[in-house]
Protein backbone atom coordinates (compact mmCIF):
# COMPACT_ATOMS: atom_id res chain seq x y z
CA MET A 1 146.77 137.61 112.87
CA SER A 2 143.45 137.03 111.13
CA ILE A 3 140.31 136.20 113.07
CA ARG A 4 139.88 132.96 111.14
CA ASN A 5 143.46 131.83 111.77
CA SER A 6 143.16 132.64 115.47
CA SER A 7 139.94 130.66 115.82
CA PHE A 8 141.57 127.81 113.92
CA ALA A 9 144.46 127.90 116.37
CA ILE A 10 142.30 127.45 119.49
CA ARG A 11 140.28 124.75 117.72
CA HIS A 12 143.37 122.70 116.89
CA PHE A 13 145.17 123.37 120.15
CA LEU A 14 142.32 121.66 121.99
CA LEU A 15 143.27 118.70 119.80
CA LEU A 16 144.79 117.98 122.73
CA CYS A 17 150.46 117.94 118.10
CA LEU A 18 158.62 114.91 105.18
CA CYS A 19 155.77 115.75 103.32
CA VAL A 20 155.59 112.10 102.12
CA SER A 21 152.28 110.24 102.18
CA VAL A 22 152.05 106.89 103.96
CA SER A 23 149.64 104.12 102.98
CA ALA A 24 147.31 102.40 105.44
CA GLN A 25 149.23 99.15 105.05
CA GLU A 26 152.37 100.87 106.34
CA TRP A 27 150.89 102.55 109.41
CA SER A 28 148.16 100.18 110.61
CA SER A 29 150.68 97.83 112.24
CA SER A 30 151.84 100.69 114.48
CA LEU A 31 148.41 101.09 116.13
CA THR A 32 148.17 100.38 119.85
CA ARG A 33 145.51 97.73 120.37
CA THR A 34 146.04 97.19 124.09
CA PRO A 35 142.67 97.20 125.91
CA ALA A 36 142.03 100.12 128.24
CA GLY A 37 143.47 99.57 131.70
CA PRO A 38 142.05 100.42 135.12
CA LEU A 39 141.61 104.16 135.62
CA ALA A 40 140.21 106.12 138.55
CA VAL A 41 137.63 108.28 136.78
CA PRO A 42 135.49 109.81 139.52
CA PRO A 43 132.72 112.12 138.30
CA CYS A 44 134.26 115.57 138.41
CA VAL A 45 134.66 118.99 136.81
CA LEU A 46 138.10 120.10 135.58
CA ASP A 47 138.80 123.76 134.80
CA PHE A 48 141.61 124.99 132.55
CA GLU A 49 143.11 128.31 131.50
CA LEU A 50 144.34 128.80 127.94
CA GLY A 51 147.33 131.06 127.28
CA TRP A 52 149.00 132.50 124.19
CA LYS A 53 152.73 133.31 123.86
CA ASN A 54 153.18 133.11 127.64
CA THR A 55 151.77 136.63 128.01
CA ILE A 56 148.06 136.69 127.13
CA LYS A 57 145.23 134.79 128.76
CA ALA A 58 143.49 133.46 125.68
CA GLY A 59 140.52 131.56 127.08
CA THR A 60 139.05 129.05 129.48
CA ALA A 61 137.93 125.43 129.17
CA ARG A 62 135.90 123.12 131.38
CA VAL A 63 135.58 119.32 131.18
CA THR A 64 132.82 117.49 133.07
CA ILE A 65 132.74 113.71 133.52
CA GLN A 66 129.53 111.98 134.68
CA GLU A 67 128.14 108.47 134.81
CA ALA A 68 125.32 107.72 132.36
CA GLY A 69 124.21 104.18 133.11
CA PRO A 70 126.76 101.85 131.45
CA TYR A 71 128.50 104.83 129.85
CA TRP A 72 130.66 107.80 130.71
CA ARG A 73 129.47 111.17 129.46
CA ALA A 74 132.36 113.60 129.04
CA SER A 75 131.41 117.17 128.16
CA ALA A 76 133.69 120.09 127.35
CA GLN A 77 133.24 123.81 126.81
CA ALA A 78 135.87 126.33 125.71
CA SER A 79 135.81 130.04 124.88
CA SER A 80 138.20 132.82 124.09
CA THR A 81 138.10 135.49 126.82
CA GLY A 82 139.33 138.95 127.78
CA PHE A 83 141.68 140.81 125.43
CA ALA A 84 142.08 137.72 123.27
CA ARG A 85 138.33 137.74 122.58
CA THR A 86 138.59 141.24 121.13
CA LEU A 87 140.98 139.77 118.53
CA TRP A 88 138.95 136.64 117.88
CA SER A 89 135.63 135.39 119.18
CA TYR A 90 135.43 131.64 119.62
CA ASP A 91 133.13 129.29 121.54
CA CYS A 92 132.79 125.53 121.38
CA THR A 93 131.02 122.68 123.15
CA MET A 94 131.62 118.95 122.88
CA SER A 95 129.94 115.89 124.37
CA SER A 96 131.17 112.30 124.18
CA ILE A 97 129.39 109.08 125.14
CA MET A 98 131.77 106.17 125.77
CA HIS A 99 131.61 102.70 127.26
CA GLN A 100 132.75 102.71 130.89
CA LYS A 101 134.81 99.51 130.69
CA SER A 102 136.52 99.84 127.30
CA LEU A 103 136.47 103.67 127.16
CA ALA A 104 135.58 103.29 123.46
CA PRO A 105 133.46 106.14 122.07
CA LEU A 106 129.92 105.50 120.93
CA PHE A 107 128.73 108.98 119.95
CA MET A 108 130.12 112.50 119.86
CA GLN A 109 128.61 115.87 119.06
CA HIS A 110 130.49 119.11 118.73
CA SER A 111 129.62 122.72 117.97
CA GLU A 112 131.97 125.66 117.43
CA THR A 113 131.27 129.28 116.59
CA ASP A 114 133.55 132.10 115.48
CA ARG A 115 132.73 135.43 113.87
CA SER A 116 132.22 133.93 110.44
CA GLU A 117 130.29 130.70 111.00
CA THR A 118 128.99 127.93 113.25
CA CYS A 119 130.01 124.34 112.57
CA ARG A 120 128.15 121.40 114.10
CA TYR A 121 129.14 117.74 113.98
CA ARG A 122 127.33 114.56 115.02
CA VAL A 123 129.51 111.45 114.91
CA ALA A 124 128.50 107.79 115.35
CA PHE A 125 131.39 105.39 116.12
CA GLN A 126 130.38 101.97 114.81
CA PRO A 127 132.29 98.64 114.87
CA ARG A 128 133.48 98.94 111.25
CA ARG A 129 133.05 102.60 110.36
CA VAL A 130 132.50 106.15 111.57
CA ILE A 131 129.58 108.22 110.23
CA THR A 132 129.86 112.01 110.48
CA GLU A 133 127.11 114.55 109.87
CA SER A 134 128.48 118.08 109.37
CA THR A 135 126.36 121.23 109.33
CA ILE A 136 127.91 124.58 108.38
CA LEU A 137 125.98 127.75 109.27
CA PRO A 138 127.77 130.81 107.84
CA LYS A 139 126.88 134.25 109.20
CA ASP A 140 126.48 135.36 105.59
CA GLY A 141 125.59 132.65 103.10
CA THR A 142 123.64 129.46 102.68
CA PRO A 143 123.69 126.71 105.38
CA SER A 144 124.81 123.27 104.26
CA THR A 145 124.66 119.75 105.69
CA GLY A 146 126.59 116.72 104.50
CA THR A 147 127.37 113.20 105.71
CA THR A 148 130.62 111.27 105.28
CA VAL A 149 131.83 107.78 106.16
CA CYS A 150 135.29 106.60 107.18
CA ALA A 151 135.49 102.81 106.77
CA PHE A 152 138.03 102.22 109.52
CA SER A 153 137.86 101.11 113.14
CA PRO A 154 138.71 101.71 115.92
CA ILE A 155 138.64 105.50 115.94
CA GLU A 156 138.64 107.62 119.09
CA ASP A 157 137.17 111.02 119.74
CA LEU A 158 139.16 113.76 121.48
CA LEU A 159 137.78 113.08 124.96
CA SER A 160 137.85 109.27 124.80
CA VAL A 161 141.48 109.10 123.65
CA ILE A 162 142.56 111.19 126.64
CA LEU A 163 140.95 108.69 129.01
CA TYR A 164 142.34 105.74 127.04
CA VAL A 165 145.93 107.01 127.15
CA ARG A 166 145.66 107.83 130.86
CA SER A 167 144.50 104.25 131.56
CA LEU A 168 147.71 102.62 130.24
CA PRO A 169 150.91 101.92 132.24
CA LEU A 170 152.79 104.83 130.57
CA LYS A 171 156.29 103.55 131.21
CA ASN A 172 159.18 105.71 130.04
CA GLY A 173 159.67 105.18 126.30
CA ASP A 174 156.16 103.78 125.68
CA LYS A 175 154.39 104.86 122.49
CA ILE A 176 150.61 104.83 122.08
CA THR A 177 149.24 105.30 118.56
CA ARG A 178 145.52 105.63 117.83
CA VAL A 179 143.32 107.10 115.11
CA VAL A 180 141.50 110.12 116.54
CA GLN A 181 138.62 112.12 115.08
CA PRO A 182 138.25 115.34 117.10
CA TRP A 183 135.77 116.96 114.68
CA ASP A 184 134.96 115.81 111.15
CA LYS A 185 138.28 114.32 109.99
CA PRO A 186 140.51 111.51 111.34
CA TYR A 187 144.15 111.95 112.39
CA LEU A 188 146.82 109.39 113.28
CA THR A 189 148.03 110.45 116.73
CA THR A 190 151.04 109.11 118.63
CA PHE A 191 151.73 109.76 122.31
CA GLU A 192 155.30 109.05 123.47
CA VAL A 193 156.23 108.89 127.17
CA LEU A 194 159.26 111.18 127.43
CA GLY A 195 159.86 110.66 131.14
CA ARG A 196 158.87 111.94 134.57
CA GLU A 197 158.96 115.60 135.57
CA ALA A 198 157.64 117.72 138.44
CA MET A 199 155.32 120.55 137.38
CA THR A 200 154.28 123.54 139.48
CA ASN A 201 150.52 124.02 139.56
CA ASN A 202 148.67 126.34 141.94
CA ASP A 203 151.94 126.82 143.87
CA LYS A 204 152.27 123.06 144.36
CA SER A 205 154.86 120.69 142.90
CA ILE A 206 153.10 117.77 141.18
CA PRO A 207 154.94 114.65 139.98
CA CYS A 208 153.94 114.21 136.33
CA ILE A 209 154.34 111.96 133.31
CA LYS A 210 155.54 113.89 130.26
CA LEU A 211 154.15 112.87 126.86
CA GLY A 212 155.12 114.17 123.44
CA ILE A 213 152.42 114.19 120.74
CA GLN A 214 152.76 113.68 117.00
CA ILE A 215 149.80 114.20 114.66
CA ARG A 216 149.40 113.25 111.00
CA LYS A 217 146.43 113.91 108.76
CA MET A 218 144.48 110.99 107.32
CA ASP A 219 142.36 110.88 104.19
CA ARG A 220 139.04 109.36 105.29
CA ASP A 221 138.51 107.65 101.93
CA THR A 222 141.97 106.29 101.06
CA LEU A 223 143.38 106.16 104.64
CA VAL A 224 146.61 107.68 103.27
CA LEU A 225 148.59 109.82 105.72
CA SER A 226 150.18 113.20 105.13
CA SER A 227 152.01 115.76 107.24
CA TYR A 228 150.23 118.13 109.62
CA LYS A 229 152.17 121.38 109.39
CA LYS A 230 149.85 123.48 111.54
CA MET A 231 151.31 121.97 114.73
CA LYS A 232 155.10 121.84 115.17
CA THR A 233 155.33 120.26 118.62
CA ALA A 234 152.92 119.36 121.42
CA THR A 235 153.49 118.13 124.97
CA ILE A 236 151.13 117.11 127.76
CA TRP A 237 151.85 116.43 131.43
CA VAL A 238 149.51 114.14 133.41
CA SER A 239 149.76 113.56 137.14
CA ASP A 240 151.82 110.51 138.04
CA ASP A 241 149.20 109.00 140.35
CA ALA A 242 146.02 106.92 140.17
CA GLU A 243 143.94 109.75 138.64
CA ARG A 244 146.34 110.72 135.83
CA LEU A 245 144.82 114.19 135.61
CA PRO A 246 145.97 116.42 132.71
CA VAL A 247 147.99 119.12 134.52
CA GLU A 248 149.38 121.12 131.61
CA MET A 249 149.56 121.13 127.81
CA ARG A 250 151.83 123.15 125.54
CA ALA A 251 152.00 123.43 121.76
CA GLU A 252 153.98 125.27 119.11
CA ILE A 253 151.51 125.95 116.32
CA PHE A 254 151.43 128.16 113.27
CA ILE A 255 150.62 131.37 115.19
CA GLY A 256 153.02 130.74 118.08
CA TYR A 257 153.14 129.15 121.51
CA MET A 258 149.93 128.17 123.30
CA SER A 259 149.37 126.56 126.70
CA CYS A 260 146.56 125.03 128.72
CA ARG A 261 146.87 124.66 132.50
CA LEU A 262 144.65 122.92 135.04
CA THR A 263 143.26 125.50 137.45
CA GLY A 264 140.68 123.56 139.44
CA LYS A 265 139.03 120.21 140.20
CA THR A 266 135.56 119.77 141.70
CA MET A 267 134.33 116.32 142.69
CA LEU A 268 130.71 115.48 141.83
CA THR A 269 128.46 113.40 144.06
CA GLY A 270 124.79 112.41 144.18
CA LYS A 271 122.61 113.65 141.34
CA ALA A 272 125.35 115.95 140.05
CA ALA A 273 127.49 112.90 139.28
CA GLN A 274 124.77 111.35 137.12
CA SER A 275 123.70 112.12 133.56
CA PRO A 276 120.64 110.69 131.78
CA VAL A 277 121.29 107.48 129.86
CA PRO A 278 121.34 108.41 126.15
CA SER A 279 118.80 106.70 123.91
CA SER A 280 119.78 104.91 120.73
CA ALA A 281 117.67 107.39 118.74
CA SER A 282 119.57 110.37 120.17
CA MET A 283 122.88 108.86 119.02
CA PHE A 284 121.75 107.79 115.56
CA VAL A 285 123.49 109.40 112.56
CA LYS A 286 121.95 108.55 109.21
CA PRO A 287 124.54 107.33 106.68
CA PRO A 288 124.67 108.94 103.25
CA ALA A 289 122.56 107.44 100.49
CA PRO A 290 124.39 104.74 98.44
């Protein structure tokens, strides 16, 4: 397994999964436009363990949710660890600003580093388009920065779509389809409620909602869809209660089976539950020149 492929695997696994293209006119009617429902989102820290092929601890991840005035700030960090890190070194951070009521994203920034390069993204989610600034910093080579525009809305980021899906009724058989941009490119993502199932976590049996995930690539300019062969299957279990916490995720991807399991939850109170309100200037992404 190459270092680059292994880093790519962790990157796409966190994405919270017919080679015929599909036009925007054919898929847009399938989008879920239901407003976000009520969701208990107390400020908290969630810790996860990443595994590879059911035998190797591959890494850790932490998600922090805080109030930021009228917004939620969701932050995530993930790294390869232990023996897996000797095979591939990977670190990433992500921060999302979203409206508390609608859970719609306003701004996202993301940085990831492997042994070959660091990639940084700043993304502004606007009413009619998404502007993305990408900076590539190779270990050997010339840095580059570019800006792209996707003229479609609404688009979610990786952290906002998780909250949005958790806020819905999630009855057996329900399908939720949204456009998601986890980094610099959009994907059409469908969550299907496969049923209810008890999962064992920290020696406890937790009633969960089981969701299957289907992902298709989207061309940001033409909005045409194509297959996403890097991920064969993906499944997520969320607790079947008011919090709808992500308990476990599994995916079959191009290098094998990977998993992500909730290992801890810490409630935040007082100052720890608060984050500074972001300024408009800090979330501004300059569009490319005409």
